Every structure is written in C-alpha cells, then in structure tokens.
N, C-alpha and C. Protein backbone atom coordinates (compact mmCIF):
# COMPACT_ATOMS: atom_id res chain seq x y z
N UNK A 1 -15.82 -14.23 15.61
CA UNK A 1 -15.12 -13.04 15.15
C UNK A 1 -13.96 -13.44 14.23
N UNK A 2 -13.77 -12.66 13.20
CA UNK A 2 -12.70 -12.92 12.25
C UNK A 2 -11.34 -12.69 12.89
N UNK A 3 -10.32 -13.31 12.30
CA UNK A 3 -8.95 -13.12 12.76
C UNK A 3 -8.42 -11.79 12.24
N UNK A 4 -8.14 -10.88 13.13
CA UNK A 4 -7.73 -9.53 12.73
C UNK A 4 -6.44 -9.55 11.93
N UNK A 5 -5.51 -10.41 12.30
CA UNK A 5 -4.23 -10.42 11.60
C UNK A 5 -4.40 -10.79 10.13
N UNK A 6 -5.24 -11.76 9.84
CA UNK A 6 -5.44 -12.17 8.44
C UNK A 6 -6.11 -11.07 7.63
N UNK A 7 -7.09 -10.39 8.21
CA UNK A 7 -7.77 -9.31 7.50
C UNK A 7 -6.84 -8.12 7.25
N UNK A 8 -6.05 -7.77 8.26
CA UNK A 8 -5.10 -6.67 8.10
C UNK A 8 -4.01 -7.06 7.11
N UNK A 9 -3.58 -8.31 7.15
CA UNK A 9 -2.59 -8.80 6.18
C UNK A 9 -3.13 -8.66 4.76
N UNK A 10 -4.36 -9.07 4.53
CA UNK A 10 -4.97 -8.94 3.21
C UNK A 10 -5.07 -7.47 2.81
N UNK A 11 -5.53 -6.64 3.71
CA UNK A 11 -5.66 -5.20 3.44
C UNK A 11 -4.32 -4.58 3.07
N UNK A 12 -3.30 -4.84 3.89
CA UNK A 12 -2.00 -4.22 3.63
C UNK A 12 -1.34 -4.77 2.37
N UNK A 13 -1.55 -6.04 2.06
CA UNK A 13 -1.01 -6.59 0.82
C UNK A 13 -1.65 -5.94 -0.40
N UNK A 14 -2.97 -5.79 -0.37
CA UNK A 14 -3.67 -5.13 -1.48
C UNK A 14 -3.19 -3.70 -1.63
N UNK A 15 -3.10 -2.99 -0.52
CA UNK A 15 -2.67 -1.59 -0.56
C UNK A 15 -1.22 -1.47 -1.05
N UNK A 16 -0.34 -2.34 -0.58
CA UNK A 16 1.07 -2.29 -1.00
C UNK A 16 1.20 -2.63 -2.49
N UNK A 17 0.49 -3.64 -2.94
CA UNK A 17 0.55 -3.99 -4.36
C UNK A 17 -0.02 -2.88 -5.23
N UNK A 18 -1.04 -2.19 -4.72
CA UNK A 18 -1.58 -1.07 -5.49
C UNK A 18 -0.53 0.03 -5.64
N UNK A 19 0.25 0.27 -4.60
CA UNK A 19 1.31 1.27 -4.68
C UNK A 19 2.38 0.88 -5.71
N UNK A 20 2.72 -0.40 -5.75
CA UNK A 20 3.71 -0.89 -6.71
C UNK A 20 3.17 -0.72 -8.13
N UNK A 21 1.91 -1.08 -8.34
CA UNK A 21 1.31 -0.92 -9.67
C UNK A 21 1.24 0.55 -10.08
N UNK A 22 0.92 1.42 -9.14
CA UNK A 22 0.89 2.85 -9.45
C UNK A 22 2.28 3.33 -9.86
N UNK A 23 3.30 2.88 -9.16
CA UNK A 23 4.66 3.29 -9.50
C UNK A 23 5.09 2.74 -10.86
N UNK A 24 4.75 1.49 -11.15
CA UNK A 24 5.05 0.91 -12.46
C UNK A 24 4.35 1.72 -13.56
N UNK A 25 3.09 2.02 -13.35
CA UNK A 25 2.34 2.79 -14.33
C UNK A 25 2.91 4.19 -14.52
N UNK A 26 3.30 4.82 -13.44
CA UNK A 26 3.88 6.16 -13.55
C UNK A 26 5.26 6.13 -14.19
N UNK A 27 6.00 5.05 -13.97
CA UNK A 27 7.27 4.90 -14.68
C UNK A 27 7.03 4.81 -16.18
N UNK A 28 5.95 4.13 -16.58
CA UNK A 28 5.58 4.03 -18.00
C UNK A 28 5.13 5.39 -18.54
N UNK A 29 4.38 6.10 -17.72
CA UNK A 29 3.78 7.38 -18.14
C UNK A 29 4.79 8.51 -18.18
N UNK A 30 5.70 8.53 -17.23
CA UNK A 30 6.68 9.61 -17.16
C UNK A 30 6.27 10.67 -16.16
N UNK A 31 6.98 11.77 -16.19
CA UNK A 31 6.77 12.86 -15.25
C UNK A 31 5.41 13.53 -15.48
N UNK A 32 4.66 13.72 -14.39
CA UNK A 32 3.37 14.40 -14.48
C UNK A 32 3.56 15.90 -14.33
N UNK A 33 2.80 16.65 -15.12
CA UNK A 33 2.90 18.10 -15.08
C UNK A 33 1.52 18.70 -14.86
N UNK A 34 1.39 19.53 -13.83
CA UNK A 34 0.15 20.22 -13.52
C UNK A 34 0.34 21.72 -13.75
N UNK A 35 0.40 22.12 -14.99
CA UNK A 35 0.61 23.53 -15.29
C UNK A 35 -0.68 24.26 -15.64
N UNK A 36 -1.71 23.51 -16.01
CA UNK A 36 -2.99 24.14 -16.33
C UNK A 36 -4.11 23.19 -15.96
N UNK A 37 -5.33 23.71 -15.80
CA UNK A 37 -6.46 22.83 -15.46
C UNK A 37 -6.68 21.71 -16.48
N UNK A 38 -6.33 21.95 -17.74
CA UNK A 38 -6.50 20.92 -18.77
C UNK A 38 -5.58 19.74 -18.56
N UNK A 39 -4.49 19.93 -17.81
CA UNK A 39 -3.57 18.83 -17.54
C UNK A 39 -4.22 17.73 -16.72
N UNK A 40 -5.18 18.11 -15.88
CA UNK A 40 -5.86 17.11 -15.05
C UNK A 40 -6.62 16.14 -15.93
N UNK A 41 -7.32 16.62 -16.93
CA UNK A 41 -8.05 15.74 -17.85
C UNK A 41 -7.08 14.86 -18.63
N UNK A 42 -5.97 15.43 -19.05
CA UNK A 42 -4.96 14.65 -19.78
C UNK A 42 -4.40 13.52 -18.91
N UNK A 43 -4.12 13.83 -17.66
CA UNK A 43 -3.59 12.82 -16.74
C UNK A 43 -4.64 11.75 -16.46
N UNK A 44 -5.89 12.16 -16.25
CA UNK A 44 -6.96 11.19 -16.02
C UNK A 44 -7.11 10.24 -17.20
N UNK A 45 -7.02 10.77 -18.40
CA UNK A 45 -7.11 9.93 -19.60
C UNK A 45 -5.92 8.98 -19.68
N UNK A 46 -4.74 9.45 -19.34
CA UNK A 46 -3.54 8.61 -19.35
C UNK A 46 -3.66 7.48 -18.34
N UNK A 47 -4.25 7.77 -17.18
CA UNK A 47 -4.47 6.73 -16.16
C UNK A 47 -5.43 5.67 -16.68
N UNK A 48 -6.49 6.10 -17.35
CA UNK A 48 -7.47 5.15 -17.88
C UNK A 48 -6.90 4.27 -18.98
N UNK A 49 -5.88 4.74 -19.68
CA UNK A 49 -5.29 3.97 -20.77
C UNK A 49 -4.14 3.05 -20.32
N UNK A 50 -3.61 3.25 -19.11
CA UNK A 50 -2.47 2.48 -18.64
C UNK A 50 -2.93 1.38 -17.68
N UNK A 51 -2.80 0.10 -18.07
CA UNK A 51 -3.30 -0.99 -17.22
C UNK A 51 -2.74 -1.00 -15.80
N UNK A 52 -1.43 -0.85 -15.58
CA UNK A 52 -0.97 -0.86 -14.18
C UNK A 52 -1.58 0.28 -13.35
N UNK A 53 -1.70 1.46 -13.92
CA UNK A 53 -2.32 2.58 -13.18
C UNK A 53 -3.79 2.31 -12.91
N UNK A 54 -4.48 1.78 -13.88
CA UNK A 54 -5.91 1.50 -13.72
C UNK A 54 -6.14 0.41 -12.66
N UNK A 55 -5.37 -0.67 -12.75
CA UNK A 55 -5.51 -1.76 -11.78
C UNK A 55 -5.08 -1.30 -10.39
N UNK A 56 -3.98 -0.53 -10.31
CA UNK A 56 -3.53 -0.01 -9.02
C UNK A 56 -4.56 0.90 -8.38
N UNK A 57 -5.19 1.74 -9.18
CA UNK A 57 -6.24 2.62 -8.67
C UNK A 57 -7.44 1.81 -8.18
N UNK A 58 -7.83 0.80 -8.95
CA UNK A 58 -8.95 -0.07 -8.55
C UNK A 58 -8.63 -0.81 -7.25
N UNK A 59 -7.39 -1.33 -7.15
CA UNK A 59 -7.00 -2.04 -5.92
C UNK A 59 -7.00 -1.11 -4.71
N UNK A 60 -6.54 0.12 -4.92
CA UNK A 60 -6.52 1.07 -3.81
C UNK A 60 -7.95 1.40 -3.37
N UNK A 61 -8.84 1.59 -4.33
CA UNK A 61 -10.25 1.86 -3.99
C UNK A 61 -10.87 0.65 -3.29
N UNK A 62 -10.54 -0.54 -3.76
CA UNK A 62 -11.07 -1.76 -3.13
C UNK A 62 -10.59 -1.88 -1.69
N UNK A 63 -9.33 -1.51 -1.45
CA UNK A 63 -8.79 -1.61 -0.09
C UNK A 63 -9.55 -0.69 0.86
N UNK A 64 -10.05 0.42 0.34
CA UNK A 64 -10.83 1.34 1.16
C UNK A 64 -12.08 0.64 1.72
N UNK A 65 -12.77 -0.09 0.87
CA UNK A 65 -13.98 -0.78 1.32
C UNK A 65 -13.66 -1.93 2.26
N UNK A 66 -12.53 -2.59 2.03
CA UNK A 66 -12.09 -3.62 2.98
C UNK A 66 -11.76 -2.97 4.33
N UNK A 67 -11.14 -1.80 4.30
CA UNK A 67 -10.82 -1.09 5.54
C UNK A 67 -12.08 -0.74 6.31
N UNK A 68 -13.13 -0.32 5.60
CA UNK A 68 -14.40 -0.03 6.28
C UNK A 68 -14.93 -1.27 7.00
N UNK A 69 -14.85 -2.41 6.35
CA UNK A 69 -15.30 -3.66 6.99
C UNK A 69 -14.45 -3.97 8.22
N UNK A 70 -13.14 -3.84 8.08
CA UNK A 70 -12.23 -4.10 9.20
C UNK A 70 -12.57 -3.21 10.39
N UNK A 71 -12.82 -1.92 10.11
CA UNK A 71 -13.17 -1.00 11.19
C UNK A 71 -14.48 -1.38 11.87
N UNK A 72 -15.38 -1.99 11.11
CA UNK A 72 -16.65 -2.40 11.72
C UNK A 72 -16.49 -3.65 12.59
N UNK A 73 -15.43 -4.41 12.39
CA UNK A 73 -15.22 -5.66 13.13
C UNK A 73 -14.29 -5.52 14.33
N UNK A 74 -13.32 -4.61 14.25
CA UNK A 74 -12.26 -4.56 15.25
C UNK A 74 -12.07 -3.16 15.81
N UNK A 75 -11.38 -3.10 16.94
CA UNK A 75 -11.07 -1.81 17.56
C UNK A 75 -10.04 -1.07 16.70
N UNK A 76 -10.25 0.21 16.48
CA UNK A 76 -9.33 1.03 15.71
C UNK A 76 -7.94 1.05 16.36
N UNK A 77 -7.91 1.08 17.69
CA UNK A 77 -6.63 1.16 18.40
C UNK A 77 -5.76 -0.07 18.17
N UNK A 78 -6.34 -1.17 17.75
CA UNK A 78 -5.58 -2.36 17.41
C UNK A 78 -5.37 -2.48 15.90
N UNK A 79 -6.42 -2.21 15.14
CA UNK A 79 -6.35 -2.41 13.69
C UNK A 79 -5.38 -1.43 13.02
N UNK A 80 -5.47 -0.16 13.37
CA UNK A 80 -4.67 0.84 12.65
C UNK A 80 -3.16 0.63 12.83
N UNK A 81 -2.67 0.40 14.04
CA UNK A 81 -1.22 0.17 14.16
C UNK A 81 -0.73 -1.04 13.37
N UNK A 82 -1.57 -2.03 13.20
CA UNK A 82 -1.17 -3.23 12.45
C UNK A 82 -0.96 -2.92 10.97
N UNK A 83 -1.55 -1.84 10.49
CA UNK A 83 -1.37 -1.49 9.08
C UNK A 83 0.05 -1.04 8.79
N UNK A 84 0.86 -0.87 9.82
CA UNK A 84 2.27 -0.50 9.62
C UNK A 84 3.00 -1.57 8.81
N UNK A 85 2.48 -2.78 8.78
CA UNK A 85 3.10 -3.83 7.97
C UNK A 85 3.09 -3.45 6.49
N UNK A 86 2.20 -2.54 6.11
CA UNK A 86 2.18 -2.07 4.73
C UNK A 86 3.51 -1.44 4.33
N UNK A 87 4.16 -0.74 5.27
CA UNK A 87 5.47 -0.15 4.99
C UNK A 87 6.50 -1.23 4.68
N UNK A 88 6.41 -2.32 5.41
CA UNK A 88 7.33 -3.45 5.18
C UNK A 88 7.08 -4.05 3.81
N UNK A 89 5.81 -4.29 3.48
CA UNK A 89 5.48 -4.89 2.19
C UNK A 89 5.90 -4.00 1.03
N UNK A 90 5.69 -2.70 1.15
CA UNK A 90 6.08 -1.79 0.07
C UNK A 90 7.60 -1.82 -0.11
N UNK A 91 8.34 -1.83 0.97
CA UNK A 91 9.81 -1.87 0.86
C UNK A 91 10.28 -3.17 0.21
N UNK A 92 9.71 -4.28 0.63
CA UNK A 92 10.12 -5.58 0.07
C UNK A 92 9.70 -5.69 -1.40
N UNK A 93 8.47 -5.30 -1.72
CA UNK A 93 8.02 -5.35 -3.12
C UNK A 93 8.84 -4.39 -3.99
N UNK A 94 9.18 -3.23 -3.45
CA UNK A 94 9.98 -2.27 -4.20
C UNK A 94 11.35 -2.85 -4.53
N UNK A 95 11.90 -3.58 -3.59
CA UNK A 95 13.20 -4.21 -3.80
C UNK A 95 13.12 -5.28 -4.89
N UNK A 96 12.13 -6.18 -4.78
CA UNK A 96 12.05 -7.31 -5.71
C UNK A 96 11.42 -6.95 -7.05
N UNK A 97 10.41 -6.11 -7.05
CA UNK A 97 9.68 -5.82 -8.30
C UNK A 97 10.26 -4.62 -9.03
N UNK A 98 10.57 -3.56 -8.28
CA UNK A 98 11.05 -2.34 -8.91
C UNK A 98 12.57 -2.24 -8.96
N UNK A 99 13.24 -3.15 -8.26
CA UNK A 99 14.70 -3.12 -8.26
C UNK A 99 15.29 -1.99 -7.43
N UNK A 100 14.53 -1.45 -6.51
CA UNK A 100 15.04 -0.38 -5.65
C UNK A 100 15.99 -0.97 -4.60
N UNK A 101 17.01 -0.23 -4.26
CA UNK A 101 17.98 -0.69 -3.27
C UNK A 101 17.51 -0.32 -1.87
N UNK A 102 17.81 -1.21 -0.93
CA UNK A 102 17.52 -0.95 0.47
C UNK A 102 18.84 -0.79 1.21
N UNK A 103 18.91 0.21 2.06
CA UNK A 103 20.11 0.47 2.85
C UNK A 103 19.96 -0.17 4.23
N UNK A 104 21.03 -0.16 4.99
CA UNK A 104 21.01 -0.73 6.33
C UNK A 104 19.87 -0.17 7.17
N UNK A 105 19.68 1.15 7.10
CA UNK A 105 18.62 1.77 7.91
C UNK A 105 17.23 1.34 7.45
N UNK A 106 17.09 1.02 6.16
CA UNK A 106 15.81 0.49 5.69
C UNK A 106 15.53 -0.86 6.34
N UNK A 107 16.55 -1.73 6.34
CA UNK A 107 16.38 -3.04 6.98
C UNK A 107 16.13 -2.89 8.48
N UNK A 108 16.83 -1.96 9.10
CA UNK A 108 16.64 -1.72 10.53
C UNK A 108 15.21 -1.26 10.81
N UNK A 109 14.71 -0.34 10.01
CA UNK A 109 13.34 0.15 10.16
C UNK A 109 12.31 -0.95 9.93
N UNK A 110 12.55 -1.78 8.92
CA UNK A 110 11.66 -2.91 8.66
C UNK A 110 11.62 -3.83 9.88
N UNK A 111 12.79 -4.07 10.46
CA UNK A 111 12.85 -4.92 11.65
C UNK A 111 12.09 -4.31 12.82
N UNK A 112 12.25 -3.01 13.03
CA UNK A 112 11.54 -2.34 14.12
C UNK A 112 10.03 -2.40 13.94
N UNK A 113 9.58 -2.17 12.72
CA UNK A 113 8.14 -2.22 12.44
C UNK A 113 7.61 -3.62 12.71
N UNK A 114 8.33 -4.62 12.22
CA UNK A 114 7.89 -6.01 12.39
C UNK A 114 7.82 -6.39 13.87
N UNK A 115 8.84 -6.03 14.63
CA UNK A 115 8.84 -6.31 16.07
C UNK A 115 7.68 -5.58 16.74
N UNK A 116 7.45 -4.33 16.36
CA UNK A 116 6.35 -3.57 16.93
C UNK A 116 4.99 -4.20 16.67
N UNK A 117 4.80 -4.72 15.47
CA UNK A 117 3.53 -5.38 15.15
C UNK A 117 3.36 -6.63 15.98
N UNK A 118 4.42 -7.40 16.14
CA UNK A 118 4.30 -8.63 16.96
C UNK A 118 4.06 -8.29 18.43
N UNK A 119 4.63 -7.20 18.91
CA UNK A 119 4.36 -6.77 20.29
C UNK A 119 2.87 -6.43 20.43
N UNK A 120 2.30 -5.77 19.43
CA UNK A 120 0.87 -5.45 19.48
C UNK A 120 0.01 -6.71 19.54
N UNK A 121 0.46 -7.76 18.84
CA UNK A 121 -0.33 -8.98 18.78
C UNK A 121 -0.12 -9.89 19.99
N UNK A 122 0.93 -9.64 20.75
CA UNK A 122 1.27 -10.51 21.88
C UNK A 122 0.21 -10.40 22.95
N UNK A 123 -0.28 -11.55 23.38
CA UNK A 123 -1.29 -11.59 24.43
C UNK A 123 -0.76 -12.50 25.57
N UNK A 124 -0.25 -11.89 26.64
CA UNK A 124 0.31 -12.70 27.73
C UNK A 124 -0.75 -13.48 28.48
C-alpha cells in the first residue's frame, strides 16, 4: 500500500500551487465582470491566453484525478482531513510568492491545522 501522507502531500501541493497560479493570472487579468452571457466567453478566452491561469486550471484538473486515485487507495475518513494541509500551503505560498501579509491569528491557525494533521497521523 502506498504511503498516504506522501500522496496527500503531493495532492495538496499541486492544489495549492494551482490556487497561487490562478491568483497570479487573475492579478494580470484584472477584475472579472459577469454582466452578460457574452462575458463568459470573453473570460474563457482570457483564461486560454494567460499562461498562469491556463497552467493553474490544468493543475487543478490534474489534482482531481489524483484525488480519485487517493480515494481508491485509502479511507476517506483519513484522507480528507489530511487535505487541510492545503490551507497551510496556500498561506505560506501566498506570503512568499504573492507578498500577502500573515497576522498572528493566521500563524495560530496554521499551527492548529498542522498539529491536527499530526494527531491524525499518530499511531500509538
């Protein structure tokens, strides 16, 4: 049997990086406006022309298929809670890549999530 932690780590890293790429692409694109049905086609075309948005979308879709494999290998009650590490990765990547500031409560929450994941993995 595969190591669940490594597979979930890979899944959450791909998903977190896809979120960062989507945010970078949207920062390039600007504010999205959905005022008419034609705006959807315009936005879809803009996504196809912007490399970070396109790569982020591809990575997010890829993570879906990895998640299906993970679900076929492991119990959902163990696998799904471990995906909480994705919140930690997004916060850390946002700080380093996007330059977003983290407050004390952000660090506190990151710590709680990390401790919770290790408690899930603990096998006495």
